[in-house]
Amino acid sequence: MATETKNKDALIITRTFDAPRDLVWKAWTDPEYYKKWWGPKYFTAPVVNIDLRVGGRYHSSMRGPDGKDYWSTGMYREVVAPERIVMTDSFADEKGNVVPASHYGMTGEWPRELLVTMTLEETGGKTKMTLRHEGIPAGMMRELTETGWSESFDKLAENIVANDRTRIIAERGKQEVVITRVFDAPRNLVFKASTDRHLITQWWGPRRFTTIVDRIDASPGGIWRFINRDAAGNEFAFHGVYHEVRAPERIVDTFEFESMPGHVSLETCTLEDINGRTKMTTKSVYQSVEDRDGALKSGMEEGLLETMDRLAELLGRLKVEKKAA
């Protein structure tokens, strides 16, 4: 939900995000995260540089659908994590030099420096964000600025929600699949669930199967072998070799379905801490595009989605048990 209030001096936008405050703060302060939402609909943000400290500067570009870049820069006047940022805002060129609004064909009496104040407030597990943008000339340009901010925040909301879902990226013509998911659990717990034989049996594979850990040696050169057994007693086995195991942030291993020997993929799983939550990114590289496409056609996507949901459920139970202990 968003509300906009306009007056002579400022544009004020309030938006409530269904996400913890630390995550919204990260979206504003992590350059890679900022790139995912900054700019109106159909715009991208190819360059974002952030020096997050009082006196530090930011320098970023928005790229329109026509390929034209619009650069901005400013200085941080106040940084209170994870509550408040006050920063100046100016049009800039690609080198970071301040330029007048007319440099981008904008009309009106634009100040060379505007002021942006962003505050975050926790409210029932959600985050209320208030943005105040001061100095924008009244009229059409203020309305366009309002639209730009609102569409940016729509993208931010979509990105935050997407972080709580499993995303599977398989680009045409490439021999890889990338799976991402953000879990509401600390990184060491997600790592443990990925390497502990007793926990793996509780989430690995779709719900219709019982998982048996036949073997697991989570160390470089170690072997793993898991079996999925259905209600009729049919068994489907998988195995691989660990190439790298670095707790709690990275696991590299191979993956092979024993019913289709010779089709081996290399799996690289990275775990990133996001203020107490964990982003899991797994990149699976196949021996060929045909192998990758064959895996996708076999029902891999449906199985992955269900498996990641089961892992999220297990992590939720483990967090509750830990608090109760």
Protein backbone atom coordinates (compact mmCIF):
# COMPACT_ATOMS: atom_id res chain seq x y z
CA MET A 1 0.00 0.00 0.00
CA ALA A 2 1.30 3.47 -0.85
CA THR A 3 0.16 7.00 -0.20
CA GLU A 4 1.50 10.17 -1.81
CA THR A 5 1.34 13.65 -0.32
CA LYS A 6 2.41 16.68 -2.33
CA ASN A 7 3.08 20.18 -1.06
CA LYS A 8 5.02 23.18 -2.23
CA ASP A 9 8.38 21.87 -1.12
CA ALA A 10 8.29 18.08 -1.02
CA LEU A 11 6.96 14.88 -2.47
CA ILE A 12 6.18 12.36 0.27
CA ILE A 13 5.59 8.67 -0.44
CA THR A 14 4.76 6.07 2.20
CA ARG A 15 4.90 2.38 1.42
CA THR A 16 4.58 -0.71 3.64
CA PHE A 17 6.59 -3.76 2.59
CA ASP A 18 5.86 -7.29 3.74
CA ALA A 19 9.49 -7.81 4.69
CA PRO A 20 11.74 -7.23 7.73
CA ARG A 21 13.35 -3.82 8.10
CA ASP A 22 16.90 -5.16 7.74
CA LEU A 23 16.04 -6.53 4.31
CA VAL A 24 14.54 -3.24 3.10
CA TRP A 25 17.61 -1.44 4.46
CA LYS A 26 19.84 -3.81 2.49
CA ALA A 27 17.85 -3.05 -0.65
CA TRP A 28 18.78 0.62 -0.23
CA THR A 29 22.42 0.14 0.72
CA ASP A 30 23.73 -2.93 -1.13
CA PRO A 31 24.70 -1.91 -4.71
CA GLU A 32 23.84 -5.31 -6.20
CA TYR A 33 20.43 -5.32 -4.53
CA TYR A 34 19.84 -1.67 -5.45
CA LYS A 35 20.34 -2.54 -9.12
CA LYS A 36 17.37 -4.92 -8.99
CA TRP A 37 14.75 -2.25 -8.27
CA TRP A 38 16.11 1.24 -8.92
CA GLY A 39 14.33 3.07 -11.74
CA PRO A 40 10.84 3.19 -13.22
CA LYS A 41 9.20 0.26 -14.96
CA TYR A 42 11.18 -0.92 -18.00
CA PHE A 43 14.32 0.89 -16.75
CA THR A 44 17.44 -0.90 -15.51
CA ALA A 45 20.26 0.25 -13.25
CA PRO A 46 23.52 -0.97 -14.82
CA VAL A 47 25.83 1.02 -12.53
CA VAL A 48 25.40 1.65 -8.81
CA ASN A 49 28.24 2.83 -6.57
CA ILE A 50 27.55 3.41 -2.86
CA ASP A 51 29.93 4.75 -0.22
CA LEU A 52 27.59 4.45 2.74
CA ARG A 53 28.92 6.85 5.38
CA VAL A 54 28.35 10.44 6.35
CA GLY A 55 30.24 12.42 3.72
CA GLY A 56 30.33 9.42 1.36
CA ARG A 57 28.81 9.65 -2.09
CA TYR A 58 26.65 7.54 -4.35
CA HIS A 59 26.75 7.56 -8.14
CA SER A 60 24.26 5.58 -10.21
CA SER A 61 22.67 5.36 -13.61
CA MET A 62 19.21 4.47 -14.88
CA ARG A 63 18.99 3.12 -18.41
CA GLY A 64 15.78 3.67 -20.34
CA PRO A 65 14.21 1.29 -22.85
CA ASP A 66 15.85 3.36 -25.62
CA GLY A 67 19.32 2.70 -24.13
CA LYS A 68 19.82 6.24 -22.83
CA ASP A 69 21.50 6.56 -19.43
CA TYR A 70 20.42 9.04 -16.75
CA TRP A 71 23.06 9.54 -14.05
CA SER A 72 22.59 10.88 -10.54
CA THR A 73 24.85 11.54 -7.58
CA GLY A 74 24.70 12.84 -4.04
CA MET A 75 26.27 12.91 -0.60
CA TYR A 76 25.09 11.07 2.51
CA ARG A 77 24.36 13.57 5.27
CA GLU A 78 22.94 11.11 7.79
CA VAL A 79 23.15 7.30 8.01
CA VAL A 80 21.43 5.54 10.93
CA ALA A 81 21.21 1.80 10.22
CA PRO A 82 18.62 0.39 9.75
CA GLU A 83 16.35 3.38 10.32
CA ARG A 84 17.18 6.50 8.36
CA ILE A 85 19.16 7.90 5.43
CA VAL A 86 19.41 11.57 4.49
CA MET A 87 21.19 12.36 1.23
CA THR A 88 21.46 15.03 -1.40
CA ASP A 89 20.29 14.32 -4.95
CA SER A 90 21.65 15.87 -8.15
CA PHE A 91 21.74 15.07 -11.83
CA ALA A 92 25.19 13.97 -12.92
CA ASP A 93 27.24 12.79 -15.86
CA GLU A 94 28.90 9.40 -16.12
CA LYS A 95 32.00 10.71 -14.30
CA GLY A 96 29.98 11.86 -11.29
CA ASN A 97 30.09 15.59 -12.05
CA VAL A 98 26.92 17.47 -11.12
CA VAL A 99 25.03 18.76 -14.19
CA PRO A 100 21.86 20.85 -14.56
CA ALA A 101 18.53 19.16 -15.23
CA SER A 102 18.60 20.67 -18.71
CA HIS A 103 21.45 18.26 -19.49
CA TYR A 104 18.71 15.62 -19.79
CA GLY A 105 16.20 17.90 -21.50
CA MET A 106 14.20 18.67 -18.37
CA THR A 107 12.46 22.00 -18.05
CA GLY A 108 11.61 24.13 -15.04
CA GLU A 109 13.65 25.76 -12.32
CA TRP A 110 15.42 22.69 -10.92
CA PRO A 111 17.80 23.28 -8.01
CA ARG A 112 21.21 21.75 -8.63
CA GLU A 113 20.81 19.87 -5.36
CA LEU A 114 17.68 18.27 -3.90
CA LEU A 115 17.27 16.46 -0.59
CA VAL A 116 16.01 12.91 -0.01
CA THR A 117 15.10 11.55 3.42
CA MET A 118 14.22 7.86 3.75
CA THR A 119 13.03 6.36 7.04
CA LEU A 120 12.15 2.75 7.92
CA GLU A 121 9.84 1.75 10.77
CA GLU A 122 9.11 -1.79 11.96
CA THR A 123 5.41 -2.58 12.21
CA GLY A 124 4.21 -6.09 13.02
CA GLY A 125 6.96 -7.87 11.12
CA LYS A 126 6.53 -5.54 8.15
CA THR A 127 8.38 -2.35 7.27
CA LYS A 128 6.85 1.08 6.81
CA MET A 129 9.01 3.22 4.55
CA THR A 130 8.57 6.98 4.23
CA LEU A 131 10.37 8.86 1.49
CA ARG A 132 10.56 12.67 1.40
CA HIS A 133 12.00 14.24 -1.75
CA GLU A 134 12.43 18.00 -1.40
CA GLY A 135 13.05 20.65 -4.04
CA ILE A 136 11.25 19.17 -7.06
CA PRO A 137 9.55 21.86 -9.17
CA ALA A 138 5.75 21.71 -9.15
CA GLY A 139 3.92 20.57 -12.25
CA MET A 140 4.55 17.80 -14.74
CA MET A 141 8.11 17.03 -13.62
CA ARG A 142 7.01 16.46 -10.03
CA GLU A 143 4.31 14.10 -11.29
CA LEU A 144 6.86 12.22 -13.39
CA THR A 145 9.18 11.98 -10.39
CA GLU A 146 6.33 10.63 -8.29
CA THR A 147 5.60 8.01 -10.94
CA GLY A 148 9.27 7.06 -11.13
CA TRP A 149 9.55 6.51 -7.39
CA SER A 150 6.27 4.60 -7.21
CA GLU A 151 7.23 2.26 -10.04
CA SER A 152 10.63 1.72 -8.45
CA PHE A 153 8.97 0.77 -5.18
CA ASP A 154 6.66 -1.61 -7.05
CA LYS A 155 9.78 -3.35 -8.35
CA LEU A 156 11.27 -3.38 -4.86
CA ALA A 157 8.12 -4.99 -3.44
CA GLU A 158 8.15 -7.63 -6.17
CA ASN A 159 11.84 -8.34 -5.57
CA ILE A 160 11.42 -8.75 -1.81
CA VAL A 161 8.45 -11.07 -2.25
CA ALA A 162 10.36 -13.05 -4.87
CA ASN A 163 13.14 -13.59 -2.36
CA ASP A 164 10.77 -15.79 -0.34
CA ARG A 165 10.03 -17.97 -3.36
CA THR A 166 12.22 -20.37 -5.24
CA ARG A 167 13.40 -18.91 -8.53
CA ILE A 168 14.66 -21.17 -11.30
CA ILE A 169 16.56 -19.51 -14.15
CA ALA A 170 17.30 -21.55 -17.25
CA GLU A 171 18.30 -19.39 -20.21
CA ARG A 172 17.81 -20.80 -23.68
CA GLY A 173 20.97 -22.18 -25.25
CA LYS A 174 22.93 -22.41 -22.00
CA GLN A 175 23.94 -25.59 -20.21
CA GLU A 176 23.18 -24.36 -16.71
CA VAL A 177 20.32 -23.84 -14.28
CA VAL A 178 20.45 -21.31 -11.41
CA ILE A 179 18.17 -21.77 -8.40
CA THR A 180 17.77 -19.09 -5.71
CA ARG A 181 15.79 -18.98 -2.47
CA VAL A 182 15.95 -16.83 0.65
CA PHE A 183 15.28 -18.70 3.88
CA ASP A 184 14.22 -17.09 7.14
CA ALA A 185 17.00 -18.85 9.03
CA PRO A 186 20.67 -18.18 9.85
CA ARG A 187 23.32 -19.39 7.44
CA ASN A 188 24.88 -21.94 9.78
CA LEU A 189 21.49 -23.65 10.19
CA VAL A 190 20.93 -23.83 6.42
CA PHE A 191 24.43 -25.26 5.99
CA LYS A 192 23.76 -27.87 8.68
CA ALA A 193 20.49 -28.88 7.03
CA SER A 194 22.42 -29.36 3.78
CA THR A 195 25.13 -31.61 5.27
CA ASP A 196 23.60 -33.42 8.27
CA ARG A 197 22.30 -36.90 7.33
CA HIS A 198 19.47 -36.78 9.88
CA LEU A 199 18.20 -33.43 8.59
CA ILE A 200 18.60 -34.25 4.90
CA THR A 201 16.12 -37.11 5.22
CA GLN A 202 13.47 -34.58 6.31
CA TRP A 203 13.52 -32.37 3.21
CA TRP A 204 15.53 -33.79 0.29
CA GLY A 205 13.21 -34.65 -2.62
CA PRO A 206 9.47 -34.30 -3.30
CA ARG A 207 6.95 -35.15 -0.57
CA ARG A 208 5.81 -38.39 -2.19
CA PHE A 209 9.21 -39.95 -1.49
CA THR A 210 10.93 -41.15 1.65
CA THR A 211 14.59 -40.13 1.57
CA ILE A 212 17.32 -42.48 2.73
CA VAL A 213 20.88 -41.21 3.20
CA ASP A 214 22.95 -44.22 2.18
CA ARG A 215 26.24 -42.38 2.44
CA ILE A 216 27.50 -38.87 3.11
CA ASP A 217 31.01 -37.58 3.74
CA ALA A 218 30.70 -33.82 3.45
CA SER A 219 34.39 -33.10 2.89
CA PRO A 220 36.53 -32.59 -0.24
CA GLY A 221 36.74 -35.94 -2.04
CA GLY A 222 33.91 -37.39 0.05
CA ILE A 223 31.01 -39.25 -1.53
CA TRP A 224 27.28 -38.80 -1.03
CA ARG A 225 24.47 -41.16 -2.08
CA PHE A 226 20.76 -40.54 -1.42
CA ILE A 227 17.79 -42.77 -2.27
CA ASN A 228 14.20 -41.69 -2.88
CA ARG A 229 11.65 -44.45 -2.18
CA ASP A 230 7.98 -44.15 -3.18
CA ALA A 231 4.93 -45.73 -1.55
CA ALA A 232 5.16 -48.77 -3.84
CA GLY A 233 8.73 -49.45 -2.77
CA ASN A 234 10.38 -48.23 -5.98
CA GLU A 235 13.77 -46.67 -5.39
CA PHE A 236 15.61 -43.92 -7.28
CA ALA A 237 19.23 -43.31 -6.30
CA PHE A 238 21.49 -40.29 -6.77
CA HIS A 239 25.14 -39.83 -5.94
CA GLY A 240 28.06 -37.44 -6.28
CA VAL A 241 31.47 -36.37 -5.03
CA TYR A 242 32.22 -33.29 -2.93
CA HIS A 243 34.85 -31.03 -4.51
CA GLU A 244 34.70 -28.21 -1.94
CA VAL A 245 32.99 -27.81 1.42
CA ARG A 246 33.51 -24.49 3.19
CA ALA A 247 31.24 -23.99 6.18
CA PRO A 248 28.93 -22.17 6.31
CA GLU A 249 29.09 -20.54 2.89
CA ARG A 250 29.89 -22.88 -0.01
CA ILE A 251 29.44 -26.48 -1.22
CA VAL A 252 30.64 -27.75 -4.60
CA ASP A 253 29.79 -31.31 -5.65
CA THR A 254 28.72 -33.45 -8.59
CA PHE A 255 25.23 -34.86 -9.14
CA GLU A 256 24.31 -38.00 -11.06
CA PHE A 257 21.01 -39.89 -11.34
CA GLU A 258 21.93 -43.56 -11.27
CA SER A 259 19.12 -44.55 -13.64
CA MET A 260 20.78 -42.32 -16.28
CA PRO A 261 24.52 -42.91 -15.77
CA GLY A 262 27.01 -40.65 -17.48
CA HIS A 263 24.88 -37.50 -17.26
CA VAL A 264 26.78 -35.62 -14.55
CA SER A 265 26.27 -32.01 -13.47
CA LEU A 266 28.50 -29.81 -11.32
CA GLU A 267 26.60 -28.15 -8.45
CA THR A 268 27.86 -25.00 -6.74
CA CYS A 269 25.81 -23.92 -3.74
CA THR A 270 26.56 -20.60 -2.03
CA LEU A 271 24.94 -19.34 1.16
CA GLU A 272 24.83 -15.57 1.72
CA ASP A 273 23.92 -13.99 5.03
CA ILE A 274 21.28 -11.26 4.71
CA ASN A 275 20.96 -9.82 8.20
CA GLY A 276 20.09 -13.15 9.78
CA ARG A 277 18.34 -14.63 6.76
CA THR A 278 20.10 -16.79 4.18
CA LYS A 279 20.10 -16.55 0.41
CA MET A 280 20.88 -19.90 -1.19
CA THR A 281 22.09 -19.86 -4.80
CA THR A 282 22.72 -23.16 -6.54
CA LYS A 283 24.26 -23.21 -10.01
CA SER A 284 24.04 -26.54 -11.86
CA VAL A 285 26.27 -26.84 -14.92
CA TYR A 286 25.52 -29.75 -17.26
CA GLN A 287 27.78 -31.42 -19.82
CA SER A 288 25.69 -30.06 -22.69
CA VAL A 289 22.64 -27.94 -23.47
CA GLU A 290 20.84 -31.15 -24.39
CA ASP A 291 21.56 -32.62 -20.95
CA ARG A 292 20.28 -29.47 -19.28
CA ASP A 293 17.11 -29.39 -21.35
CA GLY A 294 16.53 -33.09 -20.75
CA ALA A 295 16.71 -32.55 -17.00
CA LEU A 296 14.18 -29.74 -17.20
CA LYS A 297 11.77 -31.88 -19.24
CA SER A 298 12.01 -34.70 -16.70
CA GLY A 299 10.03 -32.75 -14.10
CA MET A 300 13.06 -31.26 -12.38
CA GLU A 301 11.41 -27.87 -11.84
CA GLU A 302 8.40 -29.25 -9.97
CA GLY A 303 10.63 -31.40 -7.77
CA LEU A 304 12.94 -28.49 -6.96
CA LEU A 305 10.10 -26.19 -5.97
CA GLU A 306 8.65 -28.78 -3.61
CA THR A 307 12.06 -29.65 -2.19
CA MET A 308 12.88 -26.02 -1.41
CA ASP A 309 9.50 -25.57 0.25
CA ARG A 310 10.20 -28.61 2.42
CA LEU A 311 13.59 -27.18 3.39
CA ALA A 312 11.95 -23.88 4.36
CA GLU A 313 9.43 -25.76 6.51
CA LEU A 314 12.19 -27.75 8.23
CA LEU A 315 14.20 -24.61 8.97
CA GLY A 316 11.11 -23.02 10.48
CA ARG A 317 10.63 -26.00 12.79
CA LEU A 318 14.29 -25.99 13.80
CA LYS A 319 14.11 -22.28 14.70
CA VAL A 320 11.07 -22.91 16.91
CA GLU A 321 12.76 -25.86 18.60
CA LYS A 322 15.89 -23.79 19.23
CA LYS A 323 13.88 -21.02 20.86
CA ALA A 324 12.01 -23.51 23.04
CA ALA A 325 15.21 -25.21 24.21
